[in-house]
Amino acid sequence: MHDHNAALDQVIRETAAIFGVALVRLLFPRPAYPQADFPETESPHVTAG
């Protein structure tokens, strides 16, 4: 039987998390240009009249 090593399990989980983040960043990169800022649509205040 294999010995259960908690430290090894923790390292495996942390490594998997790092690879997961890297994969998401590769699949969904940030846009090359910043998003346009539209203050009239991004405002938290509603001006209905």
PDB file of N, CA and C in Angstrom:
ATOM      1  N   MET A   1       0.827  -1.186   0.000  1.00  0.00           N
ATOM      2  CA  MET A   1       0.000   0.000   0.000  1.00  0.00           C
ATOM      3  C   MET A   1       0.869   1.246   0.000  1.00  0.00           C
ATOM      4  N   HIS A   2       0.321   2.283  -0.565  1.00  0.00           N
ATOM      5  CA  HIS A   2       1.019   3.555  -0.580  1.00  0.00           C
ATOM      6  C   HIS A   2       0.744   4.305   0.710  1.00  0.00           C
ATOM      7  N   ASP A   3       1.771   4.986   1.205  1.00  0.00           N
ATOM      8  CA  ASP A   3       1.586   5.818   2.394  1.00  0.00           C
ATOM      9  C   ASP A   3       0.828   7.076   2.017  1.00  0.00           C
ATOM     10  N   HIS A   4      -0.082   7.473   2.880  1.00  0.00           N
ATOM     11  CA  HIS A   4      -0.845   8.708   2.647  1.00  0.00           C
ATOM     12  C   HIS A   4      -0.018   9.867   3.183  1.00  0.00           C
ATOM     13  N   ASN A   5       0.342  10.797   2.306  1.00  0.00           N
ATOM     14  CA  ASN A   5       1.183  11.920   2.699  1.00  0.00           C
ATOM     15  C   ASN A   5       0.384  13.207   2.510  1.00  0.00           C
ATOM     16  N   ALA A   6       0.004  13.846   3.601  1.00  0.00           N
ATOM     17  CA  ALA A   6      -0.819  15.057   3.551  1.00  0.00           C
ATOM     18  C   ALA A   6      -0.086  16.204   2.860  1.00  0.00           C
ATOM     19  N   ALA A   7       1.220  16.309   3.074  1.00  0.00           N
ATOM     20  CA  ALA A   7       1.991  17.382   2.444  1.00  0.00           C
ATOM     21  C   ALA A   7       2.006  17.206   0.928  1.00  0.00           C
ATOM     22  N   LEU A   8       2.164  15.989   0.469  1.00  0.00           N
ATOM     23  CA  LEU A   8       2.152  15.719  -0.966  1.00  0.00           C
ATOM     24  C   LEU A   8       0.778  16.020  -1.559  1.00  0.00           C
ATOM     25  N   ASP A   9      -0.279  15.639  -0.860  1.00  0.00           N
ATOM     26  CA  ASP A   9      -1.632  15.949  -1.326  1.00  0.00           C
ATOM     27  C   ASP A   9      -1.834  17.454  -1.457  1.00  0.00           C
ATOM     28  N   GLN A  10      -1.329  18.223  -0.494  1.00  0.00           N
ATOM     29  CA  GLN A  10      -1.462  19.676  -0.536  1.00  0.00           C
ATOM     30  C   GLN A  10      -0.706  20.257  -1.727  1.00  0.00           C
ATOM     31  N   VAL A  11       0.487  19.761  -1.986  1.00  0.00           N
ATOM     32  CA  VAL A  11       1.279  20.237  -3.124  1.00  0.00           C
ATOM     33  C   VAL A  11       0.568  19.918  -4.434  1.00  0.00           C
ATOM     34  N   ILE A  12      -0.016  18.749  -4.524  1.00  0.00           N
ATOM     35  CA  ILE A  12      -0.735  18.370  -5.740  1.00  0.00           C
ATOM     36  C   ILE A  12      -1.934  19.284  -5.950  1.00  0.00           C
ATOM     37  N   ARG A  13      -2.695  19.578  -4.885  1.00  0.00           N
ATOM     38  CA  ARG A  13      -3.846  20.477  -5.011  1.00  0.00           C
ATOM     39  C   ARG A  13      -3.417  21.880  -5.430  1.00  0.00           C
ATOM     40  N   GLU A  14      -2.347  22.407  -4.826  1.00  0.00           N
ATOM     41  CA  GLU A  14      -1.864  23.746  -5.174  1.00  0.00           C
ATOM     42  C   GLU A  14      -1.365  23.802  -6.616  1.00  0.00           C
ATOM     43  N   THR A  15      -0.664  22.756  -7.048  1.00  0.00           N
ATOM     44  CA  THR A  15      -0.171  22.701  -8.423  1.00  0.00           C
ATOM     45  C   THR A  15      -1.334  22.630  -9.408  1.00  0.00           C
ATOM     46  N   ALA A  16      -2.340  21.851  -9.090  1.00  0.00           N
ATOM     47  CA  ALA A  16      -3.513  21.748  -9.956  1.00  0.00           C
ATOM     48  C   ALA A  16      -4.222  23.096 -10.049  1.00  0.00           C
ATOM     49  N   ALA A  17      -4.291  23.821  -8.941  1.00  0.00           N
ATOM     50  CA  ALA A  17      -4.931  25.139  -8.955  1.00  0.00           C
ATOM     51  C   ALA A  17      -4.149  26.112  -9.824  1.00  0.00           C
ATOM     52  N   ILE A  18      -2.829  26.086  -9.742  1.00  0.00           N
ATOM     53  CA  ILE A  18      -1.991  26.968 -10.560  1.00  0.00           C
ATOM     54  C   ILE A  18      -2.173  26.642 -12.040  1.00  0.00           C
ATOM     55  N   PHE A  19      -2.157  25.361 -12.382  1.00  0.00           N
ATOM     56  CA  PHE A  19      -2.363  24.971 -13.778  1.00  0.00           C
ATOM     57  C   PHE A  19      -3.765  25.336 -14.253  1.00  0.00           C
ATOM     58  N   GLY A  20      -4.743  25.234 -13.376  1.00  0.00           N
ATOM     59  CA  GLY A  20      -6.100  25.620 -13.733  1.00  0.00           C
ATOM     60  C   GLY A  20      -6.202  27.097 -14.067  1.00  0.00           C
ATOM     61  N   VAL A  21      -5.591  27.932 -13.246  1.00  0.00           N
ATOM     62  CA  VAL A  21      -5.593  29.378 -13.512  1.00  0.00           C
ATOM     63  C   VAL A  21      -4.863  29.670 -14.815  1.00  0.00           C
ATOM     64  N   ALA A  22      -3.736  29.022 -15.037  1.00  0.00           N
ATOM     65  CA  ALA A  22      -2.978  29.231 -16.272  1.00  0.00           C
ATOM     66  C   ALA A  22      -3.804  28.825 -17.494  1.00  0.00           C
ATOM     67  N   LEU A  23      -4.528  27.728 -17.405  1.00  0.00           N
ATOM     68  CA  LEU A  23      -5.352  27.278 -18.521  1.00  0.00           C
ATOM     69  C   LEU A  23      -6.461  28.284 -18.819  1.00  0.00           C
ATOM     70  N   VAL A  24      -7.110  28.787 -17.777  1.00  0.00           N
ATOM     71  CA  VAL A  24      -8.174  29.775 -17.981  1.00  0.00           C
ATOM     72  C   VAL A  24      -7.612  31.025 -18.634  1.00  0.00           C
ATOM     73  N   ARG A  25      -6.425  31.462 -18.195  1.00  0.00           N
ATOM     74  CA  ARG A  25      -5.810  32.659 -18.793  1.00  0.00           C
ATOM     75  C   ARG A  25      -5.429  32.431 -20.249  1.00  0.00           C
ATOM     76  N   LEU A  26      -5.038  31.221 -20.594  1.00  0.00           N
ATOM     77  CA  LEU A  26      -4.716  30.924 -21.988  1.00  0.00           C
ATOM     78  C   LEU A  26      -5.971  30.882 -22.853  1.00  0.00           C
ATOM     79  N   LEU A  27      -7.036  30.302 -22.311  1.00  0.00           N
ATOM     80  CA  LEU A  27      -8.264  30.173 -23.085  1.00  0.00           C
ATOM     81  C   LEU A  27      -9.027  31.491 -23.196  1.00  0.00           C
ATOM     82  N   PHE A  28      -8.941  32.329 -22.170  1.00  0.00           N
ATOM     83  CA  PHE A  28      -9.681  33.586 -22.140  1.00  0.00           C
ATOM     84  C   PHE A  28      -8.735  34.739 -21.839  1.00  0.00           C
ATOM     85  N   PRO A  29      -7.890  35.110 -22.811  1.00  0.00           N
ATOM     86  CA  PRO A  29      -6.945  36.206 -22.555  1.00  0.00           C
ATOM     87  C   PRO A  29      -7.682  37.537 -22.447  1.00  0.00           C
ATOM     88  N   ARG A  30      -7.027  38.484 -21.813  1.00  0.00           N
ATOM     89  CA  ARG A  30      -7.591  39.833 -21.717  1.00  0.00           C
ATOM     90  C   ARG A  30      -7.601  40.465 -23.096  1.00  0.00           C
ATOM     91  N   PRO A  31      -8.533  41.391 -23.330  1.00  0.00           N
ATOM     92  CA  PRO A  31      -8.523  42.072 -24.627  1.00  0.00           C
ATOM     93  C   PRO A  31      -7.235  42.886 -24.798  1.00  0.00           C
ATOM     94  N   ALA A  32      -6.767  43.005 -26.031  1.00  0.00           N
ATOM     95  CA  ALA A  32      -5.524  43.719 -26.316  1.00  0.00           C
ATOM     96  C   ALA A  32      -5.680  45.220 -26.106  1.00  0.00           C
ATOM     97  N   TYR A  33      -6.906  45.702 -26.158  1.00  0.00           N
ATOM     98  CA  TYR A  33      -7.160  47.129 -25.977  1.00  0.00           C
ATOM     99  C   TYR A  33      -8.170  47.298 -24.844  1.00  0.00           C
ATOM    100  N   PRO A  34      -8.098  48.403 -24.124  1.00  0.00           N
ATOM    101  CA  PRO A  34      -9.029  48.596 -23.013  1.00  0.00           C
ATOM    102  C   PRO A  34     -10.458  48.806 -23.502  1.00  0.00           C
ATOM    103  N   GLN A  35     -11.398  48.434 -22.676  1.00  0.00           N
ATOM    104  CA  GLN A  35     -12.802  48.619 -23.011  1.00  0.00           C
ATOM    105  C   GLN A  35     -13.137  50.103 -23.038  1.00  0.00           C
ATOM    106  N   ALA A  36     -14.023  50.490 -23.943  1.00  0.00           N
ATOM    107  CA  ALA A  36     -14.458  51.876 -24.020  1.00  0.00           C
ATOM    108  C   ALA A  36     -15.260  52.213 -22.772  1.00  0.00           C
ATOM    109  N   ASP A  37     -15.052  53.415 -22.277  1.00  0.00           N
ATOM    110  CA  ASP A  37     -15.744  53.856 -21.085  1.00  0.00           C
ATOM    111  C   ASP A  37     -16.913  54.749 -21.488  1.00  0.00           C
ATOM    112  N   PHE A  38     -18.116  54.334 -21.137  1.00  0.00           N
ATOM    113  CA  PHE A  38     -19.311  55.101 -21.433  1.00  0.00           C
ATOM    114  C   PHE A  38     -19.948  55.521 -20.116  1.00  0.00           C
ATOM    115  N   PRO A  39     -19.624  56.712 -19.637  1.00  0.00           N
ATOM    116  CA  PRO A  39     -20.121  57.127 -18.325  1.00  0.00           C
ATOM    117  C   PRO A  39     -21.645  57.125 -18.241  1.00  0.00           C
ATOM    118  N   GLU A  40     -22.322  57.418 -19.346  1.00  0.00           N
ATOM    119  CA  GLU A  40     -23.777  57.465 -19.276  1.00  0.00           C
ATOM    120  C   GLU A  40     -24.397  56.090 -19.086  1.00  0.00           C
ATOM    121  N   THR A  41     -23.704  55.023 -19.472  1.00  0.00           N
ATOM    122  CA  THR A  41     -24.249  53.682 -19.272  1.00  0.00           C
ATOM    123  C   THR A  41     -23.615  52.982 -18.081  1.00  0.00           C
ATOM    124  N   GLU A  42     -22.462  53.436 -17.631  1.00  0.00           N
ATOM    125  CA  GLU A  42     -21.767  52.797 -16.536  1.00  0.00           C
ATOM    126  C   GLU A  42     -22.083  53.442 -15.192  1.00  0.00           C
ATOM    127  N   SER A  43     -22.829  54.501 -15.178  1.00  0.00           N
ATOM    128  CA  SER A  43     -23.112  55.227 -13.956  1.00  0.00           C
ATOM    129  C   SER A  43     -23.992  54.397 -13.016  1.00  0.00           C
ATOM    130  N   PRO A  44     -23.671  54.394 -11.721  1.00  0.00           N
ATOM    131  CA  PRO A  44     -24.526  53.672 -10.778  1.00  0.00           C
ATOM    132  C   PRO A  44     -25.819  54.414 -10.492  1.00  0.00           C
ATOM    133  N   HIS A  45     -25.906  55.690 -10.884  1.00  0.00           N
ATOM    134  CA  HIS A  45     -27.099  56.492 -10.638  1.00  0.00           C
ATOM    135  C   HIS A  45     -28.062  56.364 -11.822  1.00  0.00           C
ATOM    136  N   VAL A  46     -29.300  56.155 -11.517  1.00  0.00           N
ATOM    137  CA  VAL A  46     -30.319  56.033 -12.544  1.00  0.00           C
ATOM    138  C   VAL A  46     -30.999  57.385 -12.697  1.00  0.00           C
ATOM    139  N   THR A  47     -31.053  57.861 -13.941  1.00  0.00           N
ATOM    140  CA  THR A  47     -31.696  59.158 -14.203  1.00  0.00           C
ATOM    141  C   THR A  47     -32.860  58.941 -15.132  1.00  0.00           C
ATOM    142  N   ALA A  48     -33.931  58.420 -14.589  1.00  0.00           N
ATOM    143  CA  ALA A  48     -35.138  58.210 -15.387  1.00  0.00           C
ATOM    144  C   ALA A  48     -36.009  59.427 -15.271  1.00  0.00           C
ATOM    145  N   GLY A  49     -36.632  59.817 -16.361  1.00  0.00           N
ATOM    146  CA  GLY A  49     -37.430  61.020 -16.251  1.00  0.00           C
ATOM    147  C   GLY A  49     -38.571  61.005 -17.098  1.00  0.00           C
TER     148      GLY A  49
END
